[in-house]
Amino acid sequence: MLPVLVLAGCGERPQELAHSKKDSGPAWQGAANEFIAPGWKAGDEQSWERQMQARAQNQNEYLRTGGAAR
């Protein structure tokens, strides 16, 4: 039974996307819909940079636990 399990992995086919990824433009251009973050304006690169910095700081566990206050 062991040889059957070993050979079962040899028949795996390559996993590739059926379609190619298209470049949709710069990330800061974004979408104009109701799902954008408050304080961010679609098409404004500096506003996008500030929003990304704020998100990064919100995910910083060192700052969230009060480690920076020491």
Protein backbone atom coordinates (compact mmCIF):
# COMPACT_ATOMS: atom_id res chain seq x y z
CA MET A 1 0.00 0.00 0.00
CA LEU A 2 2.89 2.39 0.70
CA PRO A 3 4.15 2.31 -2.93
CA VAL A 4 0.68 3.30 -4.11
CA LEU A 5 0.65 6.36 -1.85
CA VAL A 6 4.14 7.37 -2.93
CA LEU A 7 3.24 7.16 -6.63
CA ALA A 8 -0.06 8.99 -6.15
CA GLY A 9 1.78 12.32 -5.82
CA CYS A 10 3.61 11.88 -9.13
CA GLY A 11 0.49 12.50 -11.19
CA GLU A 12 -0.18 16.02 -9.93
CA ARG A 13 -0.72 18.56 -12.68
CA PRO A 14 0.76 22.07 -12.58
CA GLN A 15 -1.58 24.60 -11.01
CA GLU A 16 -1.68 27.74 -13.12
CA LEU A 17 -4.21 30.48 -13.58
CA ALA A 18 -6.48 30.07 -16.57
CA HIS A 19 -6.27 33.79 -17.33
CA SER A 20 -3.45 36.29 -17.10
CA LYS A 21 -3.39 39.10 -14.57
CA LYS A 22 -3.96 42.51 -16.09
CA ASP A 23 -2.42 45.67 -14.71
CA SER A 24 -5.25 47.80 -13.40
CA GLY A 25 -3.15 50.90 -12.84
CA PRO A 26 -1.59 52.44 -9.76
CA ALA A 27 -3.01 51.31 -6.42
CA TRP A 28 -3.68 54.86 -5.29
CA GLN A 29 -6.19 55.46 -8.09
CA GLY A 30 -8.53 52.98 -6.42
CA ALA A 31 -12.23 52.51 -6.84
CA ALA A 32 -14.95 55.10 -6.60
CA ASN A 33 -17.50 53.25 -4.49
CA GLU A 34 -18.88 53.16 -0.96
CA PHE A 35 -16.25 50.68 0.27
CA ILE A 36 -13.30 53.08 0.43
CA ALA A 37 -11.80 54.01 3.80
CA PRO A 38 -12.90 57.29 5.38
CA GLY A 39 -10.41 60.09 4.83
CA TRP A 40 -9.07 58.67 1.58
CA LYS A 41 -9.81 60.26 -1.77
CA ALA A 42 -9.64 58.05 -4.85
CA GLY A 43 -6.96 59.31 -7.23
CA ASP A 44 -5.00 61.25 -4.60
CA GLU A 45 -1.61 59.58 -4.16
CA GLN A 46 -0.61 61.48 -0.99
CA SER A 47 -3.95 60.70 0.65
CA TRP A 48 -3.39 57.03 -0.19
CA GLU A 49 0.12 57.12 1.33
CA ARG A 50 -1.24 58.65 4.57
CA GLN A 51 -3.98 56.01 4.73
CA MET A 52 -1.46 53.18 4.27
CA GLN A 53 0.76 54.63 7.02
CA ALA A 54 -2.23 54.84 9.37
CA ARG A 55 -3.18 51.22 8.63
CA ALA A 56 0.38 50.07 9.28
CA GLN A 57 0.45 51.87 12.63
CA ASN A 58 -2.89 50.31 13.63
CA GLN A 59 -1.40 46.86 12.99
CA ASN A 60 1.80 47.57 14.95
CA GLU A 61 1.50 45.41 18.07
CA TYR A 62 4.39 47.23 19.74
CA LEU A 63 2.45 50.50 19.65
CA ARG A 64 -0.93 48.90 20.44
CA THR A 65 0.36 47.31 23.66
CA GLY A 66 1.96 50.53 24.91
CA GLY A 67 5.54 49.42 24.26
CA ALA A 68 6.49 52.74 22.66
CA ALA A 69 5.50 54.74 25.74
CA ARG A 70 8.38 53.40 27.82
